[in-house]
Amino acid sequence: MVPTKPWSRPAAVPLREWALRDRERRGITAAVAKGAQPREAVPSADPDEREWRLEARGDELEASERKLATERDILRKAAKYLAGETNW
């Protein structure tokens, strides 16, 4: 069986082996996969590259902030709903 999507796996391949192959394909090291912070690259002398990296990091932080705000809103709504449903 040939997978049609990059995240699908044949049934004959163990999940751990499939995950390791996928990480290797995407260039993720074991330390990064476990949650360790990747080592910082040596800063570039080129100011344009530094500015580009800072803008990219800012975009990542904004996306993370949006995700956290969405999760917070979902949890707030769930708590409000569950508080109204309990009639103890």
C-alpha atoms as a PDB file:
ATOM      1  CA  MET A   1       0.000   0.000   0.000  1.00  0.00           C
ATOM      2  CA  VAL A   2       1.430   3.383  -1.015  1.00  0.00           C
ATOM      3  CA  PRO A   3       0.441   6.303   1.215  1.00  0.00           C
ATOM      4  CA  THR A   4      -1.323   9.101  -0.652  1.00  0.00           C
ATOM      5  CA  LYS A   5      -0.699  11.747   1.984  1.00  0.00           C
ATOM      6  CA  PRO A   6       2.627  12.567   3.681  1.00  0.00           C
ATOM      7  CA  TRP A   7       1.141  11.967   7.149  1.00  0.00           C
ATOM      8  CA  SER A   8      -0.482   8.609   6.335  1.00  0.00           C
ATOM      9  CA  ARG A   9       1.459   5.430   7.033  1.00  0.00           C
ATOM     10  CA  PRO A  10       1.170   1.853   5.786  1.00  0.00           C
ATOM     11  CA  ALA A  11      -0.204  -0.544   8.401  1.00  0.00           C
ATOM     12  CA  ALA A  12       2.949  -2.687   8.199  1.00  0.00           C
ATOM     13  CA  VAL A  13       5.223   0.141   9.428  1.00  0.00           C
ATOM     14  CA  PRO A  14       5.339   0.501  13.242  1.00  0.00           C
ATOM     15  CA  LEU A  15       4.233   3.908  14.471  1.00  0.00           C
ATOM     16  CA  ARG A  16       7.571   4.694  16.140  1.00  0.00           C
ATOM     17  CA  GLU A  17       9.545   3.903  12.989  1.00  0.00           C
ATOM     18  CA  TRP A  18       7.136   5.945  10.882  1.00  0.00           C
ATOM     19  CA  ALA A  19       7.449   8.915  13.260  1.00  0.00           C
ATOM     20  CA  LEU A  20      11.249   8.732  13.183  1.00  0.00           C
ATOM     21  CA  ARG A  21      11.271   8.624   9.376  1.00  0.00           C
ATOM     22  CA  ASP A  22       8.893  11.603   9.242  1.00  0.00           C
ATOM     23  CA  ARG A  23      11.082  13.618  11.630  1.00  0.00           C
ATOM     24  CA  GLU A  24      14.141  12.773   9.541  1.00  0.00           C
ATOM     25  CA  ARG A  25      12.320  13.813   6.364  1.00  0.00           C
ATOM     26  CA  ARG A  26      11.395  17.162   7.920  1.00  0.00           C
ATOM     27  CA  GLY A  27      14.901  17.691   9.360  1.00  0.00           C
ATOM     28  CA  ILE A  28      13.902  17.585  13.029  1.00  0.00           C
ATOM     29  CA  THR A  29      16.571  16.308  15.389  1.00  0.00           C
ATOM     30  CA  ALA A  30      15.807  14.139  18.424  1.00  0.00           C
ATOM     31  CA  ALA A  31      16.611  16.991  20.836  1.00  0.00           C
ATOM     32  CA  VAL A  32      14.145  19.334  19.134  1.00  0.00           C
ATOM     33  CA  ALA A  33      11.481  16.621  18.988  1.00  0.00           C
ATOM     34  CA  LYS A  34      11.766  16.086  22.763  1.00  0.00           C
ATOM     35  CA  GLY A  35      11.128  19.771  23.370  1.00  0.00           C
ATOM     36  CA  ALA A  36      14.671  20.987  23.933  1.00  0.00           C
ATOM     37  CA  GLN A  37      15.491  24.368  22.556  1.00  0.00           C
ATOM     38  CA  PRO A  38      17.599  24.228  19.395  1.00  0.00           C
ATOM     39  CA  ARG A  39      20.992  25.854  19.598  1.00  0.00           C
ATOM     40  CA  GLU A  40      21.068  29.405  18.419  1.00  0.00           C
ATOM     41  CA  ALA A  41      22.865  30.048  15.174  1.00  0.00           C
ATOM     42  CA  VAL A  42      25.833  32.364  15.102  1.00  0.00           C
ATOM     43  CA  PRO A  43      24.516  35.890  14.502  1.00  0.00           C
ATOM     44  CA  SER A  44      25.018  37.162  11.004  1.00  0.00           C
ATOM     45  CA  ALA A  45      26.992  40.297  10.328  1.00  0.00           C
ATOM     46  CA  ASP A  46      24.442  41.268   7.676  1.00  0.00           C
ATOM     47  CA  PRO A  47      21.894  43.689   9.215  1.00  0.00           C
ATOM     48  CA  ASP A  48      19.258  42.780   6.605  1.00  0.00           C
ATOM     49  CA  GLU A  49      19.410  39.115   7.553  1.00  0.00           C
ATOM     50  CA  ARG A  50      19.172  39.990  11.239  1.00  0.00           C
ATOM     51  CA  GLU A  51      16.126  42.148  10.558  1.00  0.00           C
ATOM     52  CA  TRP A  52      14.527  39.348   8.540  1.00  0.00           C
ATOM     53  CA  ARG A  53      15.127  36.861  11.389  1.00  0.00           C
ATOM     54  CA  LEU A  54      13.640  39.247  13.949  1.00  0.00           C
ATOM     55  CA  GLU A  55      10.553  39.793  11.777  1.00  0.00           C
ATOM     56  CA  ALA A  56      10.138  36.040  11.341  1.00  0.00           C
ATOM     57  CA  ARG A  57      10.425  35.516  15.102  1.00  0.00           C
ATOM     58  CA  GLY A  58       7.866  38.282  15.658  1.00  0.00           C
ATOM     59  CA  ASP A  59       5.470  36.544  13.267  1.00  0.00           C
ATOM     60  CA  GLU A  60       5.942  33.261  15.155  1.00  0.00           C
ATOM     61  CA  LEU A  61       5.201  34.964  18.463  1.00  0.00           C
ATOM     62  CA  GLU A  62       2.065  36.628  17.078  1.00  0.00           C
ATOM     63  CA  ALA A  63       0.803  33.282  15.777  1.00  0.00           C
ATOM     64  CA  SER A  64       1.469  31.695  19.151  1.00  0.00           C
ATOM     65  CA  GLU A  65      -0.374  34.524  20.894  1.00  0.00           C
ATOM     66  CA  ARG A  66      -3.399  34.078  18.607  1.00  0.00           C
ATOM     67  CA  LYS A  67      -3.433  30.345  19.306  1.00  0.00           C
ATOM     68  CA  LEU A  68      -3.261  30.874  23.060  1.00  0.00           C
ATOM     69  CA  ALA A  69      -6.033  33.491  22.936  1.00  0.00           C
ATOM     70  CA  THR A  70      -8.251  31.080  20.996  1.00  0.00           C
ATOM     71  CA  GLU A  71      -7.583  28.280  23.467  1.00  0.00           C
ATOM     72  CA  ARG A  72      -8.302  30.622  26.384  1.00  0.00           C
ATOM     73  CA  ASP A  73     -11.625  31.667  24.838  1.00  0.00           C
ATOM     74  CA  ILE A  74     -12.625  28.050  24.255  1.00  0.00           C
ATOM     75  CA  LEU A  75     -11.800  27.141  27.849  1.00  0.00           C
ATOM     76  CA  ARG A  76     -13.673  30.180  29.164  1.00  0.00           C
ATOM     77  CA  LYS A  77     -16.792  29.260  27.166  1.00  0.00           C
ATOM     78  CA  ALA A  78     -16.564  25.631  28.280  1.00  0.00           C
ATOM     79  CA  ALA A  79     -16.261  26.652  31.922  1.00  0.00           C
ATOM     80  CA  LYS A  80     -19.263  28.971  31.590  1.00  0.00           C
ATOM     81  CA  TYR A  81     -21.323  26.240  29.941  1.00  0.00           C
ATOM     82  CA  LEU A  82     -20.378  23.602  32.523  1.00  0.00           C
ATOM     83  CA  ALA A  83     -21.068  26.015  35.410  1.00  0.00           C
ATOM     84  CA  GLY A  84     -24.572  26.535  34.065  1.00  0.00           C
ATOM     85  CA  GLU A  85     -25.169  22.808  33.605  1.00  0.00           C
ATOM     86  CA  THR A  86     -24.365  21.785  37.189  1.00  0.00           C
ATOM     87  CA  ASN A  87     -27.393  21.788  39.455  1.00  0.00           C
ATOM     88  CA  TRP A  88     -25.994  20.430  42.696  1.00  0.00           C
END
